[in-house]
C-alpha atoms as a PDB file:
ATOM      1  CA  UNK A   1     -42.013   7.232  12.632  1.00  0.00           C
ATOM      2  CA  UNK A   2     -42.096   3.411  12.641  1.00  0.00           C
ATOM      3  CA  UNK A   3     -39.972   3.515   9.465  1.00  0.00           C
ATOM      4  CA  UNK A   4     -37.336   5.645  11.219  1.00  0.00           C
ATOM      5  CA  UNK A   5     -37.358   3.229  14.142  1.00  0.00           C
ATOM      6  CA  UNK A   6     -36.930   0.316  11.750  1.00  0.00           C
ATOM      7  CA  UNK A   7     -34.033   2.074   9.954  1.00  0.00           C
ATOM      8  CA  UNK A   8     -32.309   2.823  13.264  1.00  0.00           C
ATOM      9  CA  UNK A   9     -32.747  -0.785  14.368  1.00  0.00           C
ATOM     10  CA  UNK A  10     -31.392  -2.094  11.051  1.00  0.00           C
ATOM     11  CA  UNK A  11     -28.370   0.233  11.340  1.00  0.00           C
ATOM     12  CA  UNK A  12     -27.683  -0.996  14.896  1.00  0.00           C
ATOM     13  CA  UNK A  13     -27.967  -4.620  13.775  1.00  0.00           C
ATOM     14  CA  UNK A  14     -25.531  -4.043  10.897  1.00  0.00           C
ATOM     15  CA  UNK A  15     -23.111  -2.351  13.275  1.00  0.00           C
ATOM     16  CA  UNK A  16     -23.379  -5.281  15.705  1.00  0.00           C
ATOM     17  CA  UNK A  17     -22.716  -7.752  12.872  1.00  0.00           C
ATOM     18  CA  UNK A  18     -19.676  -5.770  11.695  1.00  0.00           C
ATOM     19  CA  UNK A  19     -18.211  -5.383  15.192  1.00  0.00           C
ATOM     20  CA  UNK A  20     -18.689  -9.092  15.929  1.00  0.00           C
ATOM     21  CA  UNK A  21     -17.205 -10.034  12.558  1.00  0.00           C
ATOM     22  CA  UNK A  22     -14.101  -7.886  13.098  1.00  0.00           C
ATOM     23  CA  UNK A  23     -13.613  -9.358  16.578  1.00  0.00           C
ATOM     24  CA  UNK A  24     -13.889 -12.915  15.206  1.00  0.00           C
ATOM     25  CA  UNK A  25     -11.521 -12.204  12.299  1.00  0.00           C
ATOM     26  CA  UNK A  26      -8.975 -10.854  14.814  1.00  0.00           C
ATOM     27  CA  UNK A  27      -9.277 -14.075  16.787  1.00  0.00           C
ATOM     28  CA  UNK A  28      -9.830 -16.762  14.133  1.00  0.00           C
ATOM     29  CA  UNK A  29      -8.692 -15.157  10.875  1.00  0.00           C
ATOM     30  CA  UNK A  30     -11.076 -14.550   7.968  1.00  0.00           C
ATOM     31  CA  UNK A  31     -10.945 -18.213   6.915  1.00  0.00           C
ATOM     32  CA  UNK A  32     -12.024 -19.328  10.396  1.00  0.00           C
ATOM     33  CA  UNK A  33     -15.197 -17.232  10.473  1.00  0.00           C
ATOM     34  CA  UNK A  34     -18.520 -18.701   9.366  1.00  0.00           C
ATOM     35  CA  UNK A  35     -22.001 -17.182   9.293  1.00  0.00           C
ATOM     36  CA  UNK A  36     -22.963 -19.740  11.944  1.00  0.00           C
ATOM     37  CA  UNK A  37     -20.310 -18.713  14.498  1.00  0.00           C
ATOM     38  CA  UNK A  38     -20.769 -15.038  13.625  1.00  0.00           C
ATOM     39  CA  UNK A  39     -24.508 -15.060  14.291  1.00  0.00           C
ATOM     40  CA  UNK A  40     -24.064 -17.136  17.452  1.00  0.00           C
ATOM     41  CA  UNK A  41     -21.491 -14.657  18.778  1.00  0.00           C
ATOM     42  CA  UNK A  42     -23.672 -11.668  17.841  1.00  0.00           C
ATOM     43  CA  UNK A  43     -26.771 -13.245  19.420  1.00  0.00           C
ATOM     44  CA  UNK A  44     -28.855 -12.984  16.243  1.00  0.00           C
ATOM     45  CA  UNK A  45     -30.368 -15.591  13.947  1.00  0.00           C
ATOM     46  CA  UNK A  46     -29.010 -16.372  10.506  1.00  0.00           C
ATOM     47  CA  UNK A  47     -32.121 -14.961   8.835  1.00  0.00           C
ATOM     48  CA  UNK A  48     -31.295 -11.554  10.316  1.00  0.00           C
ATOM     49  CA  UNK A  49     -27.762 -11.777   8.934  1.00  0.00           C
ATOM     50  CA  UNK A  50     -29.043 -12.648   5.447  1.00  0.00           C
ATOM     51  CA  UNK A  51     -31.362  -9.622   5.470  1.00  0.00           C
ATOM     52  CA  UNK A  52     -28.217  -7.479   5.317  1.00  0.00           C
ATOM     53  CA  UNK A  53     -25.508  -9.602   3.660  1.00  0.00           C
ATOM     54  CA  UNK A  54     -25.329 -12.442   1.131  1.00  0.00           C
ATOM     55  CA  UNK A  55     -22.491 -14.201   2.952  1.00  0.00           C
ATOM     56  CA  UNK A  56     -19.285 -13.446   4.867  1.00  0.00           C
ATOM     57  CA  UNK A  57     -17.565 -12.384   1.631  1.00  0.00           C
ATOM     58  CA  UNK A  58     -20.238  -9.768   0.980  1.00  0.00           C
ATOM     59  CA  UNK A  59     -19.829  -8.505   4.560  1.00  0.00           C
ATOM     60  CA  UNK A  60     -16.051  -8.291   4.157  1.00  0.00           C
ATOM     61  CA  UNK A  61     -16.468  -6.526   0.803  1.00  0.00           C
ATOM     62  CA  UNK A  62     -18.797  -3.914   2.330  1.00  0.00           C
ATOM     63  CA  UNK A  63     -16.424  -3.265   5.247  1.00  0.00           C
ATOM     64  CA  UNK A  64     -13.498  -2.846   2.840  1.00  0.00           C
ATOM     65  CA  UNK A  65     -15.517  -0.562   0.547  1.00  0.00           C
ATOM     66  CA  UNK A  66     -16.462   1.725   3.456  1.00  0.00           C
ATOM     67  CA  UNK A  67     -12.836   2.020   4.580  1.00  0.00           C
ATOM     68  CA  UNK A  68     -11.485   2.572   1.063  1.00  0.00           C
ATOM     69  CA  UNK A  69     -14.192   5.104   0.127  1.00  0.00           C
ATOM     70  CA  UNK A  70     -13.282   7.123   3.224  1.00  0.00           C
ATOM     71  CA  UNK A  71      -9.580   6.869   2.401  1.00  0.00           C
ATOM     72  CA  UNK A  72     -10.198   7.987  -1.169  1.00  0.00           C
ATOM     73  CA  UNK A  73     -12.045  11.085   0.073  1.00  0.00           C
ATOM     74  CA  UNK A  74      -9.149  12.229   2.288  1.00  0.00           C
ATOM     75  CA  UNK A  75      -6.596  11.434  -0.406  1.00  0.00           C
ATOM     76  CA  UNK A  76      -8.206  13.630  -3.049  1.00  0.00           C
ATOM     77  CA  UNK A  77      -6.253  16.676  -1.921  1.00  0.00           C
ATOM     78  CA  UNK A  78      -4.994  19.850  -3.533  1.00  0.00           C
ATOM     79  CA  UNK A  79      -1.221  19.856  -3.246  1.00  0.00           C
ATOM     80  CA  UNK A  80       0.686  23.123  -3.158  1.00  0.00           C
ATOM     81  CA  UNK A  81       4.291  22.504  -4.192  1.00  0.00           C
ATOM     82  CA  UNK A  82       5.407  25.705  -2.415  1.00  0.00           C
ATOM     83  CA  UNK A  83       3.755  24.698   0.885  1.00  0.00           C
ATOM     84  CA  UNK A  84       4.966  21.121   0.510  1.00  0.00           C
ATOM     85  CA  UNK A  85       8.592  22.181   0.087  1.00  0.00           C
ATOM     86  CA  UNK A  86       8.345  24.739   2.884  1.00  0.00           C
ATOM     87  CA  UNK A  87       6.931  22.251   5.400  1.00  0.00           C
ATOM     88  CA  UNK A  88       9.712  19.841   4.419  1.00  0.00           C
ATOM     89  CA  UNK A  89      12.398  22.497   5.005  1.00  0.00           C
ATOM     90  CA  UNK A  90      10.771  23.574   8.297  1.00  0.00           C
ATOM     91  CA  UNK A  91      10.284  19.932   9.374  1.00  0.00           C
ATOM     92  CA  UNK A  92       6.609  20.669   9.955  1.00  0.00           C
ATOM     93  CA  UNK A  93       3.626  18.445   9.131  1.00  0.00           C
ATOM     94  CA  UNK A  94       1.921  19.192   5.819  1.00  0.00           C
ATOM     95  CA  UNK A  95      -1.809  19.616   6.606  1.00  0.00           C
ATOM     96  CA  UNK A  96      -3.230  17.446   3.765  1.00  0.00           C
ATOM     97  CA  UNK A  97      -0.903  14.593   4.808  1.00  0.00           C
ATOM     98  CA  UNK A  98      -1.976  15.000   8.445  1.00  0.00           C
ATOM     99  CA  UNK A  99      -5.624  14.534   7.344  1.00  0.00           C
ATOM    100  CA  UNK A 100      -4.692  11.285   5.588  1.00  0.00           C
ATOM    101  CA  UNK A 101      -2.824   9.944   8.620  1.00  0.00           C
ATOM    102  CA  UNK A 102      -5.622  11.047  10.966  1.00  0.00           C
ATOM    103  CA  UNK A 103      -8.075   8.962   8.953  1.00  0.00           C
ATOM    104  CA  UNK A 104      -5.709   5.975   9.017  1.00  0.00           C
ATOM    105  CA  UNK A 105      -5.239   6.433  12.771  1.00  0.00           C
ATOM    106  CA  UNK A 106      -8.992   6.639  13.451  1.00  0.00           C
ATOM    107  CA  UNK A 107      -9.542   3.367  11.586  1.00  0.00           C
ATOM    108  CA  UNK A 108      -6.176   1.915  12.546  1.00  0.00           C
ATOM    109  CA  UNK A 109      -7.363  -1.270  14.234  1.00  0.00           C
ATOM    110  CA  UNK A 110      -9.483  -2.309  11.278  1.00  0.00           C
ATOM    111  CA  UNK A 111      -6.929  -1.294   8.629  1.00  0.00           C
ATOM    112  CA  UNK A 112      -4.163  -3.138  10.497  1.00  0.00           C
ATOM    113  CA  UNK A 113      -6.368  -6.235  10.603  1.00  0.00           C
ATOM    114  CA  UNK A 114      -7.255  -6.021   6.902  1.00  0.00           C
ATOM    115  CA  UNK A 115      -3.623  -5.546   5.863  1.00  0.00           C
ATOM    116  CA  UNK A 116      -2.375  -8.333   8.130  1.00  0.00           C
ATOM    117  CA  UNK A 117      -2.296 -12.118   7.715  1.00  0.00           C
ATOM    118  CA  UNK A 118      -5.716 -12.623   9.345  1.00  0.00           C
ATOM    119  CA  UNK A 119      -7.515 -10.326   6.917  1.00  0.00           C
ATOM    120  CA  UNK A 120      -8.746 -11.068   3.414  1.00  0.00           C
ATOM    121  CA  UNK A 121      -5.868 -11.369   0.948  1.00  0.00           C
ATOM    122  CA  UNK A 122      -7.302  -8.988  -1.659  1.00  0.00           C
ATOM    123  CA  UNK A 123      -7.405  -5.896   0.569  1.00  0.00           C
ATOM    124  CA  UNK A 124      -3.756  -4.743   0.242  1.00  0.00           C
ATOM    125  CA  UNK A 125      -4.119  -4.690  -3.561  1.00  0.00           C
ATOM    126  CA  UNK A 126      -7.327  -2.653  -3.353  1.00  0.00           C
ATOM    127  CA  UNK A 127      -5.748  -0.186  -0.947  1.00  0.00           C
ATOM    128  CA  UNK A 128      -2.714   0.089  -3.207  1.00  0.00           C
ATOM    129  CA  UNK A 129      -4.965   0.954  -6.151  1.00  0.00           C
ATOM    130  CA  UNK A 130      -6.837   3.653  -4.176  1.00  0.00           C
ATOM    131  CA  UNK A 131      -3.578   5.219  -2.964  1.00  0.00           C
ATOM    132  CA  UNK A 132      -2.089   5.158  -6.462  1.00  0.00           C
ATOM    133  CA  UNK A 133      -5.136   6.526  -8.295  1.00  0.00           C
ATOM    134  CA  UNK A 134      -6.262   9.102  -5.718  1.00  0.00           C
ATOM    135  CA  UNK A 135      -2.968  10.464  -4.522  1.00  0.00           C
ATOM    136  CA  UNK A 136       0.294   9.527  -6.176  1.00  0.00           C
ATOM    137  CA  UNK A 137      -0.648  10.125  -9.785  1.00  0.00           C
ATOM    138  CA  UNK A 138      -1.649  13.653  -8.787  1.00  0.00           C
ATOM    139  CA  UNK A 139       1.412  14.124  -6.568  1.00  0.00           C
ATOM    140  CA  UNK A 140       3.901  13.088  -9.225  1.00  0.00           C
ATOM    141  CA  UNK A 141       2.308  15.326 -11.838  1.00  0.00           C
ATOM    142  CA  UNK A 142       3.720  18.160  -9.726  1.00  0.00           C
ATOM    143  CA  UNK A 143       6.907  19.787 -10.989  1.00  0.00           C
ATOM    144  CA  UNK A 144       8.267  19.408  -7.424  1.00  0.00           C
ATOM    145  CA  UNK A 145       8.955  15.741  -8.184  1.00  0.00           C
ATOM    146  CA  UNK A 146      10.295  16.030 -11.707  1.00  0.00           C
ATOM    147  CA  UNK A 147      13.955  16.247 -10.738  1.00  0.00           C
ATOM    148  CA  UNK A 148      14.786  12.721 -11.839  1.00  0.00           C
ATOM    149  CA  UNK A 149      13.488  12.260 -15.403  1.00  0.00           C
ATOM    150  CA  UNK A 150      15.474   9.021 -15.786  1.00  0.00           C
ATOM    151  CA  UNK A 151      12.844   7.215 -13.674  1.00  0.00           C
ATOM    152  CA  UNK A 152       9.480   6.788 -15.457  1.00  0.00           C
ATOM    153  CA  UNK A 153       6.573   8.121 -13.375  1.00  0.00           C
ATOM    154  CA  UNK A 154       4.758   4.774 -13.265  1.00  0.00           C
ATOM    155  CA  UNK A 155       7.774   3.168 -11.546  1.00  0.00           C
ATOM    156  CA  UNK A 156       8.200   6.078  -9.166  1.00  0.00           C
ATOM    157  CA  UNK A 157       4.486   5.813  -8.366  1.00  0.00           C
ATOM    158  CA  UNK A 158       4.661   2.036  -7.793  1.00  0.00           C
ATOM    159  CA  UNK A 159       7.704   2.423  -5.542  1.00  0.00           C
ATOM    160  CA  UNK A 160       6.166   5.311  -3.604  1.00  0.00           C
ATOM    161  CA  UNK A 161       2.850   3.527  -3.057  1.00  0.00           C
ATOM    162  CA  UNK A 162       4.763   0.557  -1.618  1.00  0.00           C
ATOM    163  CA  UNK A 163       6.671   2.921   0.682  1.00  0.00           C
ATOM    164  CA  UNK A 164       3.415   4.552   1.793  1.00  0.00           C
ATOM    165  CA  UNK A 165       1.755   1.200   2.542  1.00  0.00           C
ATOM    166  CA  UNK A 166       4.876  -0.082   4.319  1.00  0.00           C
ATOM    167  CA  UNK A 167       5.128   3.054   6.460  1.00  0.00           C
ATOM    168  CA  UNK A 168       1.389   2.895   7.224  1.00  0.00           C
ATOM    169  CA  UNK A 169       1.508  -0.762   8.259  1.00  0.00           C
ATOM    170  CA  UNK A 170       4.630  -0.280  10.398  1.00  0.00           C
ATOM    171  CA  UNK A 171       3.148   2.830  12.009  1.00  0.00           C
ATOM    172  CA  UNK A 172      -0.181   1.167  12.840  1.00  0.00           C
ATOM    173  CA  UNK A 173       1.669  -1.800  14.356  1.00  0.00           C
ATOM    174  CA  UNK A 174       3.620   0.443  16.755  1.00  0.00           C
ATOM    175  CA  UNK A 175       2.387   0.603  20.342  1.00  0.00           C
ATOM    176  CA  UNK A 176       1.817   3.439  20.910  1.00  0.00           C
ATOM    177  CA  UNK A 177       2.161   4.784  17.373  1.00  0.00           C
ATOM    178  CA  UNK A 178       3.523   8.200  16.508  1.00  0.00           C
ATOM    179  CA  UNK A 179       0.823  10.865  16.253  1.00  0.00           C
ATOM    180  CA  UNK A 180      -0.594  11.636  12.779  1.00  0.00           C
ATOM    181  CA  UNK A 181       1.387  14.896  12.866  1.00  0.00           C
ATOM    182  CA  UNK A 182       4.656  13.115  13.703  1.00  0.00           C
ATOM    183  CA  UNK A 183       4.220  10.446  11.041  1.00  0.00           C
ATOM    184  CA  UNK A 184       3.333  13.150   8.478  1.00  0.00           C
ATOM    185  CA  UNK A 185       6.729  14.787   9.156  1.00  0.00           C
ATOM    186  CA  UNK A 186       8.542  11.441   8.867  1.00  0.00           C
ATOM    187  CA  UNK A 187       6.654  10.641   5.687  1.00  0.00           C
ATOM    188  CA  UNK A 188       7.413  13.951   3.977  1.00  0.00           C
ATOM    189  CA  UNK A 189      11.127  13.394   4.714  1.00  0.00           C
ATOM    190  CA  UNK A 190      10.931   9.961   3.057  1.00  0.00           C
ATOM    191  CA  UNK A 191       9.063  11.445   0.116  1.00  0.00           C
ATOM    192  CA  UNK A 192      11.678  14.114  -0.542  1.00  0.00           C
ATOM    193  CA  UNK A 193      14.536  11.714   0.155  1.00  0.00           C
ATOM    194  CA  UNK A 194      13.360   9.292  -2.532  1.00  0.00           C
ATOM    195  CA  UNK A 195      12.559  12.072  -5.011  1.00  0.00           C
ATOM    196  CA  UNK A 196      15.864  13.914  -4.804  1.00  0.00           C
ATOM    197  CA  UNK A 197      18.497  11.363  -3.869  1.00  0.00           C
END
């Protein structure tokens, strides 16, 4: 029982540290945050911080890993070319894409921060890699997107990942943003437009 209490307390402390860190990064930028001002803002001592994290870089790395692991899980989807084409023709959202945009929407504030100028500069590259490996390589192995053999798949993938990240960033910066269902419809139109133009 005491162990469970200790685990729950440790989890709450980590959550407090993360929330305070995100708030400070929003205000000061990643470069402006130190362990000293983080612990002062969170109302904890530095020893407590170091029980959980080596430094602010370790904290940032763990936050990014959590977000990207979650994104990878929703992006490992089975794609039906028949359903994909039908939803495009019907101008309806494709369910696996809706799941991806729902995840991005749920974590929108943090993802927007990490992609923006106040975040850590390595995050966009990591997100790009996850999107490329988990989603686009599978998507472009589909015969649906083999109509333009003059463009090598790796270039189509690189272009499409950039479009996805650009659309995501623009969408998350809108106030209020389109719903995940609406952006899924917009996105599928862009996807087919670039594949078949």
